[in-house]
Amino acid sequence: MQESIAQVIGRVTPPPGVSNYPDLGIIFLITNLIRLAIIAAGIYSVFNIIIAGYGFMSAGGDSKKITDAWSRIWQTLLGLVVVAGAFVIAAILGLILFGNAGALLELRIYGPPPP
């Protein structure tokens, strides 16, 4: 008496509203990885500024420690400017080339339609 898994568990259907989203595969994965990297950069920046601020407060007048703390703060702010600037440049290029500011920010693969 060997029963199949479908007979034991039953049919599993997606919840309402989930079937409205198409199966995007690799595009969905890449988009989520980019979003995750941006969020990670923001979180890292916040922690880096907090640590640099703590180093600045605990410097105790030592000019080397103060210089290191300021250097860390400026490097963090520069990193945030680079991340934000990449989006601004992509939006400007998308607007110039395609007439849509989000054209380069929305990943799409062009090809034959699915069967």
Protein backbone atom coordinates (compact mmCIF):
# COMPACT_ATOMS: atom_id res chain seq x y z
CA MET A 1 0.00 0.00 0.00
CA GLN A 2 2.20 2.72 -1.26
CA GLU A 3 0.41 6.08 -1.33
CA SER A 4 1.63 9.09 -3.25
CA ILE A 5 2.46 12.33 -1.48
CA ALA A 6 -0.48 14.08 -3.18
CA GLN A 7 -2.88 11.55 -1.66
CA VAL A 8 -1.43 12.00 1.82
CA ILE A 9 -0.98 15.79 1.85
CA GLY A 10 -3.55 16.92 -0.67
CA ARG A 11 -3.40 19.67 -3.26
CA VAL A 12 -1.60 22.87 -2.22
CA THR A 13 -2.86 26.06 -3.84
CA PRO A 14 -1.42 29.55 -3.49
CA PRO A 15 -3.26 32.01 -1.27
CA PRO A 16 -5.52 34.60 -2.90
CA GLY A 17 -3.62 37.43 -4.57
CA VAL A 18 -0.34 35.55 -4.95
CA SER A 19 -1.21 34.22 -8.40
CA ASN A 20 -1.40 37.83 -9.67
CA TYR A 21 2.40 38.07 -9.62
CA PRO A 22 4.14 36.57 -12.65
CA ASP A 23 7.02 34.18 -12.24
CA LEU A 24 9.96 36.48 -12.91
CA GLY A 25 12.77 34.10 -12.01
CA ILE A 26 16.26 35.57 -12.38
CA ILE A 27 15.01 39.16 -12.83
CA PHE A 28 13.18 38.99 -9.52
CA LEU A 29 16.29 37.56 -7.85
CA ILE A 30 18.62 40.25 -9.23
CA THR A 31 16.20 43.04 -8.28
CA ASN A 32 15.92 41.72 -4.73
CA LEU A 33 19.70 41.35 -4.44
CA ILE A 34 20.19 44.98 -5.54
CA ARG A 35 17.61 46.15 -3.01
CA LEU A 36 19.27 44.07 -0.30
CA ALA A 37 22.68 45.57 -1.13
CA ILE A 38 21.28 49.10 -0.90
CA ILE A 39 19.61 48.39 2.43
CA ALA A 40 22.82 46.78 3.72
CA ALA A 41 24.81 49.86 2.62
CA GLY A 42 22.43 52.12 4.54
CA ILE A 43 22.56 50.01 7.69
CA TYR A 44 26.34 49.76 7.47
CA SER A 45 26.56 53.53 7.08
CA VAL A 46 24.46 54.16 10.18
CA PHE A 47 26.59 51.81 12.28
CA ASN A 48 29.79 53.26 10.83
CA ILE A 49 28.77 56.83 11.69
CA ILE A 50 27.78 55.74 15.22
CA ILE A 51 31.15 54.04 15.73
CA ALA A 52 33.01 57.04 14.30
CA GLY A 53 31.04 59.37 16.57
CA TYR A 54 31.92 57.23 19.57
CA GLY A 55 35.57 57.32 18.51
CA PHE A 56 35.33 61.09 18.16
CA MET A 57 33.83 61.50 21.64
CA SER A 58 36.33 59.15 23.27
CA ALA A 59 39.35 60.70 21.57
CA GLY A 60 40.15 62.76 24.66
CA GLY A 61 41.96 65.46 22.74
CA ASP A 62 44.24 63.03 20.83
CA SER A 63 44.58 64.61 17.39
CA LYS A 64 45.31 61.26 15.68
CA LYS A 65 42.05 59.73 16.98
CA ILE A 66 40.06 62.82 16.05
CA THR A 67 41.52 62.77 12.54
CA ASP A 68 40.68 59.06 12.20
CA ALA A 69 37.11 59.66 13.37
CA TRP A 70 36.59 62.54 10.93
CA SER A 71 38.11 60.45 8.16
CA ARG A 72 35.69 57.62 8.90
CA ILE A 73 32.70 59.97 8.95
CA TRP A 74 33.67 61.54 5.60
CA GLN A 75 34.30 58.15 3.99
CA THR A 76 30.88 56.96 5.14
CA LEU A 77 29.16 60.06 3.80
CA LEU A 78 31.06 59.72 0.52
CA GLY A 79 29.88 56.13 0.24
CA LEU A 80 26.28 57.20 0.74
CA VAL A 81 26.70 59.88 -1.92
CA VAL A 82 28.07 57.29 -4.36
CA VAL A 83 25.13 54.92 -3.73
CA ALA A 84 22.56 57.71 -4.11
CA GLY A 85 24.43 59.22 -7.06
CA ALA A 86 24.30 55.93 -8.94
CA PHE A 87 20.50 56.07 -8.79
CA VAL A 88 20.41 59.70 -9.87
CA ILE A 89 22.70 59.03 -12.83
CA ALA A 90 20.67 55.96 -13.84
CA ALA A 91 17.45 58.00 -13.67
CA ILE A 92 18.92 60.85 -15.73
CA LEU A 93 20.28 58.48 -18.39
CA GLY A 94 16.98 56.61 -18.49
CA LEU A 95 15.11 59.88 -18.95
CA ILE A 96 17.44 61.04 -21.71
CA LEU A 97 17.67 57.74 -23.60
CA PHE A 98 14.22 56.21 -23.05
CA GLY A 99 12.01 59.07 -21.87
CA ASN A 100 11.38 57.22 -18.60
CA ALA A 101 13.41 57.92 -15.46
CA GLY A 102 12.83 54.38 -14.19
CA ALA A 103 13.80 52.63 -17.43
CA LEU A 104 17.27 51.63 -16.22
CA LEU A 105 16.08 50.95 -12.68
CA GLU A 106 13.43 48.41 -13.73
CA LEU A 107 15.09 45.21 -14.89
CA ARG A 108 13.53 43.62 -17.96
CA ILE A 109 14.59 40.94 -20.38
CA TYR A 110 13.29 41.38 -23.88
CA GLY A 111 12.57 38.32 -25.96
CA PRO A 112 9.78 36.20 -27.32
CA PRO A 113 6.62 36.06 -25.24
CA PRO A 114 6.12 32.99 -23.09
CA PRO A 115 4.04 30.23 -24.64
